[in-house]
Amino acid sequence: MIKAKKKLNKTIFVTGAAGFIGSAVARHLLNDHGDEVVNIDCLTYAGNQATFADESADARYHFEQVDITDKAAIDALFAKYQPRAIMHLAAESHVDRSIDGPKAFIETNVMGTYNLLEAARAYTAELSEMDAQQFRFHHVSTDEVFGSLGDDGLFTEESKYEPSSPYSASKAASDHLVRAWNETFGLPVVLSNCSNNYGPYQFPEKLIPVIIAKATAQQVIPVYGSGLNVRDWLYVDDHARALVHIMNNGEVGRSYNVGGNEERTNMEVVQAVCNILDEVAPAKSGESYLSLVEHVTDRPGHDHRYAIDASRIKDELGWEPQESFESGIKKTIEWYLANQNWVQAVQQGSYDGSRLGQAKPQSSDDEAAA
């Protein structure tokens, strides 16, 4: 008897969709494209179902609490849902945490990606030739894999990989795996590397939510080193639109840089946030929140500058960011001020606002618990 081929359907897997960028992607798929979405997330400290409170009742939304390092569980999800695409955003992503505990980054970002690639390869082998060609594995990465720029120049899709942190090294490794599975096994993949994201639902350990939280609590706002390190800032909803566009329209085997064209030093970001807070939620003391800024010892291996050349996605796919830094940061601050219950819910005691990433040696027991 000839075994019947599996049939590709319209479902899209989004790994890490209980997190910051993944949840924005899933909301965009549900609300703007009408897709059926399976949120695959193991709910680490940075993932929380409160992020999806409004969408959880939608019949097109499914949640599967699965760790991507569990290959058998991933295989079972492919068999159950038979997706047309997987958008892979699940990752350990905070540089400071990668300095404190690199092991989790290797396990999730490298081995987890390997498991997904192998599951997708086995799944597409059981599809018809046409369906297998239509399937997409979209791997979402970071500009940090390219290392650090000087005062001039931009990262392009052809930039040399020179990761500086355990986080960026783990993402660089996963990028290379995805390309290899395309070249060696013919898995239909697309890749993207983005600049720094900000916006609603970002876990409050990252720069902008830290500034907001520290300022409104009248606590010291820590700035690493001189504060002159430069990042390109991309509003998360712009990024979500770009990712879905790449998944649907990108050329197989090709990578796309996604940036906001909004370079700012860390100190300029701090100043922008404090100035807006001074206007919309002034301190009872009457002083500017900038008075709370304190420069602290720099992060080990802190890259000087990242800047994205996003001309390929503009020229080939017609995507551009809709938000400026000024409009996006104002929306972000207003959202955090209006959603303090969410901030408190996602923290759940897992992050008390103390500094991470000071490169203190760990025992093997500490590493295992990280």
Protein backbone atom coordinates (compact mmCIF):
# COMPACT_ATOMS: atom_id res chain seq x y z
CA MET A 1 0.00 0.00 0.00
CA ILE A 2 1.31 3.46 -0.93
CA LYS A 3 1.45 5.74 2.08
CA ALA A 4 -0.64 8.88 1.58
CA LYS A 5 1.24 12.16 1.66
CA LYS A 6 0.54 14.55 4.52
CA LYS A 7 -1.33 17.69 3.53
CA LEU A 8 0.04 21.16 4.21
CA ASN A 9 -2.54 23.41 5.90
CA LYS A 10 -2.70 27.11 6.77
CA THR A 11 -1.41 26.88 10.32
CA ILE A 12 1.75 28.77 11.30
CA PHE A 13 4.01 27.80 14.18
CA VAL A 14 5.47 30.73 16.12
CA THR A 15 8.07 29.59 18.61
CA GLY A 16 8.51 31.89 21.58
CA ALA A 17 5.17 33.63 21.03
CA ALA A 18 4.67 34.17 24.76
CA GLY A 19 7.64 36.51 24.62
CA PHE A 20 8.11 40.05 23.37
CA ILE A 21 8.70 39.89 19.61
CA GLY A 22 7.00 36.51 19.17
CA SER A 23 3.77 37.76 20.69
CA ALA A 24 3.78 40.78 18.36
CA VAL A 25 4.23 38.43 15.38
CA ALA A 26 1.41 36.15 16.53
CA ARG A 27 -0.96 39.09 17.08
CA HIS A 28 -0.14 40.40 13.60
CA LEU A 29 -0.82 36.99 12.03
CA LEU A 30 -4.14 36.63 13.85
CA ASN A 31 -5.45 40.17 13.56
CA ASP A 32 -4.11 41.33 10.20
CA HIS A 33 -3.70 38.14 8.18
CA GLY A 34 -6.37 35.82 9.58
CA ASP A 35 -3.92 32.93 10.01
CA GLU A 36 -4.20 30.08 12.48
CA VAL A 37 -1.34 30.33 14.97
CA VAL A 38 0.26 27.77 17.26
CA ASN A 39 2.25 29.42 20.04
CA ILE A 40 5.07 27.05 21.02
CA ASP A 41 6.64 28.30 24.23
CA CYS A 42 8.02 26.66 27.37
CA LEU A 43 7.25 29.78 29.46
CA THR A 44 10.66 30.70 30.80
CA TYR A 45 11.02 33.79 32.99
CA ALA A 46 10.52 36.03 29.91
CA GLY A 47 7.39 34.28 28.63
CA ASN A 48 3.96 34.73 30.11
CA GLN A 49 0.46 33.87 28.93
CA ALA A 50 -0.72 37.25 30.22
CA THR A 51 0.87 38.60 27.05
CA PHE A 52 -1.91 36.81 25.14
CA ALA A 53 -4.88 37.48 27.40
CA ASP A 54 -6.93 39.14 24.62
CA GLU A 55 -6.22 36.49 21.98
CA SER A 56 -6.55 33.35 24.10
CA ALA A 57 -10.26 32.97 23.37
CA ASP A 58 -9.72 33.09 19.57
CA ALA A 59 -10.43 29.68 18.04
CA ARG A 60 -7.53 30.23 15.62
CA TYR A 61 -5.03 30.54 18.47
CA HIS A 62 -3.47 27.46 20.08
CA PHE A 63 -0.95 27.32 22.90
CA GLU A 64 1.47 24.44 23.35
CA GLN A 65 3.77 24.57 26.37
CA VAL A 66 6.70 22.76 24.81
CA ASP A 67 10.45 23.25 25.11
CA ILE A 68 12.14 23.31 21.70
CA THR A 69 14.94 21.18 23.13
CA ASP A 70 12.38 18.34 23.46
CA LYS A 71 12.62 16.77 20.01
CA ALA A 72 9.87 14.18 20.53
CA ALA A 73 7.42 16.87 21.60
CA ILE A 74 8.32 19.03 18.59
CA ASP A 75 7.87 16.07 16.23
CA ALA A 76 4.44 15.46 17.73
CA LEU A 77 3.38 19.06 17.11
CA PHE A 78 4.30 18.83 13.43
CA ALA A 79 2.23 15.65 13.15
CA LYS A 80 -0.70 17.23 14.98
CA TYR A 81 -0.96 20.58 13.19
CA GLN A 82 0.81 20.08 9.82
CA PRO A 83 1.84 23.74 9.49
CA ARG A 84 2.63 25.65 6.30
CA ALA A 85 5.42 27.56 8.04
CA ILE A 86 7.40 27.92 11.22
CA MET A 87 8.57 31.30 12.44
CA HIS A 88 11.34 30.57 14.88
CA LEU A 89 11.76 33.26 17.53
CA ALA A 90 12.20 31.15 20.69
CA ALA A 91 15.57 32.01 22.18
CA GLU A 92 17.44 32.99 25.27
CA SER A 93 18.06 36.59 24.30
CA HIS A 94 19.49 38.78 27.06
CA VAL A 95 23.23 39.44 26.71
CA ASP A 96 23.73 40.00 30.45
CA ARG A 97 22.13 36.66 31.28
CA SER A 98 24.34 34.94 28.70
CA ILE A 99 27.37 36.26 30.56
CA ASP A 100 26.05 34.92 33.86
CA GLY A 101 24.91 31.56 32.47
CA PRO A 102 25.96 30.63 28.91
CA LYS A 103 24.80 27.00 29.05
CA ALA A 104 21.09 27.77 28.65
CA PHE A 105 21.89 29.83 25.54
CA ILE A 106 23.72 26.95 23.89
CA GLU A 107 20.99 24.48 24.77
CA THR A 108 18.05 26.60 23.57
CA ASN A 109 19.52 28.67 20.75
CA VAL A 110 21.72 25.98 19.20
CA MET A 111 20.28 22.59 20.13
CA GLY A 112 16.70 23.88 20.09
CA THR A 113 17.17 25.24 16.58
CA TYR A 114 18.73 21.94 15.50
CA ASN A 115 15.69 20.04 16.81
CA LEU A 116 13.31 22.31 14.91
CA LEU A 117 15.30 21.95 11.70
CA GLU A 118 15.33 18.17 11.95
CA ALA A 119 11.61 18.06 12.76
CA ALA A 120 10.87 20.31 9.78
CA ARG A 121 13.09 18.20 7.51
CA ALA A 122 11.31 14.98 8.49
CA TYR A 123 7.92 16.66 8.14
CA THR A 124 8.55 18.09 4.66
CA ALA A 125 9.83 14.71 3.47
CA GLU A 126 6.29 13.39 3.95
CA LEU A 127 4.65 16.23 1.99
CA SER A 128 3.97 16.30 -1.72
CA GLU A 129 6.69 17.98 -3.76
CA MET A 130 4.53 21.09 -4.25
CA ASP A 131 3.63 21.39 -0.56
CA ALA A 132 7.24 20.80 0.48
CA GLN A 133 8.35 23.67 -1.76
CA GLN A 134 5.69 25.97 -0.30
CA PHE A 135 6.69 25.27 3.31
CA ARG A 136 8.85 27.92 4.98
CA PHE A 137 11.22 27.83 7.94
CA HIS A 138 11.79 31.45 8.95
CA HIS A 139 14.69 31.84 11.35
CA VAL A 140 14.71 35.14 13.25
CA SER A 141 18.10 36.38 14.42
CA THR A 142 19.93 39.50 15.54
CA ASP A 143 22.43 42.05 14.25
CA GLU A 144 24.64 41.16 17.22
CA VAL A 145 26.02 38.17 15.27
CA PHE A 146 28.04 40.67 13.20
CA GLY A 147 29.98 42.02 16.17
CA SER A 148 30.78 45.69 16.61
CA LEU A 149 31.03 48.56 14.15
CA GLY A 150 33.23 51.62 14.39
CA ASP A 151 31.80 55.10 14.11
CA ASP A 152 30.97 54.55 10.42
CA GLY A 153 29.47 51.83 8.26
CA LEU A 154 26.42 49.56 8.35
CA PHE A 155 25.80 45.83 8.73
CA THR A 156 24.68 44.25 5.47
CA GLU A 157 23.50 40.71 4.83
CA GLU A 158 27.04 39.90 3.67
CA SER A 159 28.77 41.25 6.78
CA LYS A 160 31.30 38.98 8.44
CA TYR A 161 30.13 37.15 11.56
CA GLU A 162 32.10 38.29 14.65
CA PRO A 163 29.95 37.60 17.73
CA SER A 164 31.21 39.04 21.01
CA SER A 165 28.94 37.55 23.70
CA PRO A 166 27.75 34.02 24.49
CA TYR A 167 24.29 35.17 23.33
CA SER A 168 25.44 36.44 19.94
CA ALA A 169 27.70 33.41 19.47
CA SER A 170 24.76 31.07 20.07
CA LYS A 171 22.61 32.98 17.58
CA ALA A 172 25.43 32.97 15.02
CA ALA A 173 25.66 29.19 15.37
CA SER A 174 21.92 28.81 14.83
CA ASP A 175 22.07 31.05 11.73
CA HIS A 176 24.75 28.80 10.26
CA LEU A 177 22.72 25.67 11.02
CA VAL A 178 19.68 27.07 9.20
CA ARG A 179 21.73 27.94 6.13
CA ALA A 180 23.33 24.49 6.17
CA TRP A 181 19.95 22.72 6.30
CA ASN A 182 18.95 24.70 3.22
CA GLU A 183 22.17 24.02 1.32
CA THR A 184 22.56 20.37 2.32
CA PHE A 185 18.99 19.12 2.67
CA GLY A 186 17.03 21.62 0.57
CA LEU A 187 14.85 22.78 3.47
CA PRO A 188 13.07 25.96 2.32
CA VAL A 189 14.35 28.61 4.71
CA VAL A 190 14.46 32.39 4.99
CA LEU A 191 16.44 34.32 7.57
CA SER A 192 16.33 37.76 9.10
CA ASN A 193 18.62 39.75 11.39
CA CYS A 194 17.14 42.67 13.26
CA SER A 195 18.32 45.67 15.24
CA ASN A 196 17.28 46.48 18.83
CA ASN A 197 13.53 46.13 19.34
CA TYR A 198 11.43 48.14 21.77
CA GLY A 199 7.72 48.54 22.42
CA PRO A 200 4.83 47.09 24.47
CA TYR A 201 5.22 43.74 26.26
CA GLN A 202 9.03 43.82 26.46
CA PHE A 203 10.32 42.01 29.54
CA PRO A 204 11.46 44.63 32.08
CA GLU A 205 15.14 43.66 32.09
CA LYS A 206 15.89 45.43 28.77
CA LEU A 207 17.08 49.03 28.52
CA ILE A 208 13.90 50.99 27.78
CA PRO A 209 11.56 49.22 30.25
CA VAL A 210 14.35 49.38 32.86
CA ILE A 211 14.56 53.15 32.42
CA ILE A 212 10.78 53.50 32.77
CA ALA A 213 10.62 51.22 35.82
CA LYS A 214 13.57 52.81 37.63
CA ALA A 215 12.42 56.35 36.90
CA THR A 216 8.83 55.88 38.03
CA ALA A 217 10.05 54.12 41.19
CA GLN A 218 12.47 57.00 41.88
CA GLN A 219 15.42 54.60 41.79
CA VAL A 220 18.87 55.03 40.25
CA ILE A 221 18.84 54.65 36.46
CA PRO A 222 22.05 52.75 35.65
CA VAL A 223 23.92 53.58 32.43
CA TYR A 224 26.74 51.24 31.39
CA GLY A 225 30.09 52.96 30.93
CA SER A 226 30.03 56.25 29.08
CA GLY A 227 26.55 55.63 27.65
CA LEU A 228 27.93 56.29 24.17
CA ASN A 229 27.34 52.78 22.79
CA VAL A 230 25.11 53.08 19.72
CA ARG A 231 22.15 50.93 18.68
CA ASP A 232 19.62 51.13 15.86
CA TRP A 233 16.10 51.07 17.36
CA LEU A 234 13.17 49.25 15.74
CA TYR A 235 9.58 49.42 17.00
CA VAL A 236 8.34 45.89 17.63
CA ASP A 237 5.15 46.13 15.56
CA ASP A 238 7.20 47.31 12.57
CA HIS A 239 9.42 44.28 13.08
CA ALA A 240 6.42 41.94 13.27
CA ARG A 241 5.11 43.28 9.97
CA ALA A 242 8.52 42.79 8.39
CA LEU A 243 8.85 39.21 9.65
CA VAL A 244 5.50 38.08 8.31
CA HIS A 245 6.27 39.81 5.00
CA ILE A 246 9.60 37.97 4.77
CA MET A 247 7.97 34.66 5.63
CA ASN A 248 5.33 35.11 2.93
CA ASN A 249 7.42 36.79 0.22
CA GLY A 250 11.13 36.31 0.92
CA GLU A 251 13.31 34.34 -1.47
CA VAL A 252 14.24 30.87 -0.25
CA GLY A 253 17.77 30.74 1.14
CA ARG A 254 18.01 34.52 1.38
CA SER A 255 18.52 36.66 4.48
CA TYR A 256 17.08 40.10 5.17
CA ASN A 257 18.28 42.76 7.59
CA VAL A 258 15.46 44.56 9.40
CA GLY A 259 16.26 47.92 10.97
CA GLY A 260 14.51 51.06 12.12
CA ASN A 261 17.00 53.56 10.65
CA GLU A 262 17.06 55.16 14.10
CA GLU A 263 20.57 55.16 15.60
CA ARG A 264 20.83 56.47 19.15
CA THR A 265 23.46 56.30 21.87
CA ASN A 266 22.26 54.65 25.05
CA MET A 267 22.48 58.02 26.76
CA GLU A 268 20.28 59.60 24.09
CA VAL A 269 17.69 56.87 24.70
CA VAL A 270 17.80 57.53 28.45
CA GLN A 271 17.37 61.24 27.86
CA ALA A 272 14.46 60.73 25.47
CA VAL A 273 12.59 58.46 27.91
CA CYS A 274 13.21 60.76 30.87
CA ASN A 275 12.13 63.85 28.95
CA ILE A 276 8.82 62.25 27.95
CA LEU A 277 8.23 60.97 31.49
CA ASP A 278 8.89 64.50 32.77
CA GLU A 279 5.98 65.63 30.59
CA VAL A 280 3.44 62.83 31.00
CA ALA A 281 4.20 61.61 34.56
CA PRO A 282 6.29 64.24 36.33
CA ALA A 283 8.04 63.30 39.57
CA LYS A 284 6.46 64.55 42.79
CA SER A 285 9.79 66.10 43.69
CA GLY A 286 9.57 68.34 40.65
CA GLU A 287 13.03 67.27 39.51
CA SER A 288 13.73 65.75 36.11
CA TYR A 289 14.11 61.99 36.04
CA LEU A 290 17.52 62.62 34.48
CA SER A 291 18.74 63.43 38.00
CA LEU A 292 18.46 59.70 38.75
CA VAL A 293 21.01 58.68 36.08
CA GLU A 294 24.19 57.06 37.37
CA HIS A 295 27.02 55.71 35.21
CA VAL A 296 28.12 52.21 36.27
CA THR A 297 30.92 49.85 35.30
CA ASP A 298 30.54 48.81 31.67
CA ARG A 299 29.36 45.37 30.57
CA PRO A 300 32.18 42.92 29.63
CA GLY A 301 32.59 42.76 25.84
CA HIS A 302 30.11 45.60 25.27
CA ASP A 303 29.97 46.19 21.49
CA HIS A 304 30.42 49.85 20.58
CA ARG A 305 27.95 50.27 17.74
CA TYR A 306 25.35 48.36 15.73
CA ALA A 307 23.71 49.84 12.63
CA ILE A 308 21.60 48.06 10.01
CA ASP A 309 21.50 48.53 6.26
CA ALA A 310 17.89 47.56 5.55
CA SER A 311 17.95 48.44 1.85
CA ARG A 312 17.48 44.83 0.66
CA ILE A 313 14.10 44.36 2.34
CA LYS A 314 13.03 47.80 1.08
CA ASP A 315 14.20 47.30 -2.50
CA GLU A 316 13.20 43.64 -2.92
CA LEU A 317 10.13 43.32 -0.69
CA GLY A 318 8.89 46.90 -0.33
CA TRP A 319 9.02 47.05 3.48
CA GLU A 320 9.88 50.16 5.50
CA PRO A 321 9.29 51.00 9.19
CA GLN A 322 6.18 53.04 9.92
CA GLU A 323 7.25 54.37 13.31
CA SER A 324 9.97 56.92 13.99
CA PHE A 325 11.87 56.60 17.25
CA GLU A 326 10.00 59.64 18.56
CA SER A 327 6.54 58.23 17.83
CA GLY A 328 7.44 54.70 18.90
CA ILE A 329 9.04 55.65 22.21
CA LYS A 330 6.05 57.77 23.17
CA LYS A 331 3.68 54.87 22.46
CA THR A 332 5.92 52.56 24.45
CA ILE A 333 6.04 54.78 27.53
CA GLU A 334 2.28 55.35 27.46
CA TRP A 335 1.71 51.59 27.24
CA TYR A 336 3.97 50.80 30.21
CA LEU A 337 2.41 53.48 32.37
CA ALA A 338 -1.06 52.11 31.56
CA ASN A 339 -0.13 48.44 32.05
CA GLN A 340 1.72 48.20 35.35
CA ASN A 341 -0.36 45.14 36.24
CA TRP A 342 1.16 43.31 33.26
CA VAL A 343 4.68 44.32 34.29
CA GLN A 344 4.13 42.97 37.79
CA ALA A 345 2.53 39.76 36.47
CA VAL A 346 5.39 38.85 34.12
CA GLN A 347 8.06 39.50 36.69
CA GLN A 348 6.59 37.01 39.19
CA GLY A 349 9.67 37.30 41.34
CA SER A 350 12.01 36.15 38.54
CA TYR A 351 13.71 39.52 38.11
CA ASP A 352 14.05 42.09 40.88
CA GLY A 353 15.73 44.79 38.81
CA SER A 354 19.25 44.07 40.06
CA ARG A 355 22.17 44.17 37.67
CA LEU A 356 23.07 41.07 35.63
CA GLY A 357 26.04 40.18 33.43
CA GLN A 358 29.10 41.08 35.47
CA ALA A 359 31.03 37.96 34.38
CA LYS A 360 31.32 36.42 37.82
CA PRO A 361 32.52 32.80 37.62
CA GLN A 362 29.88 30.16 38.26
CA SER A 363 30.11 26.75 39.81
CA SER A 364 28.81 23.80 37.80
CA ASP A 365 25.77 23.74 40.08
CA ASP A 366 25.05 27.40 39.40
CA GLU A 367 25.38 26.83 35.66
CA ALA A 368 22.91 23.98 35.75
CA ALA A 369 20.38 26.10 37.62
CA ALA A 370 20.70 29.15 35.37
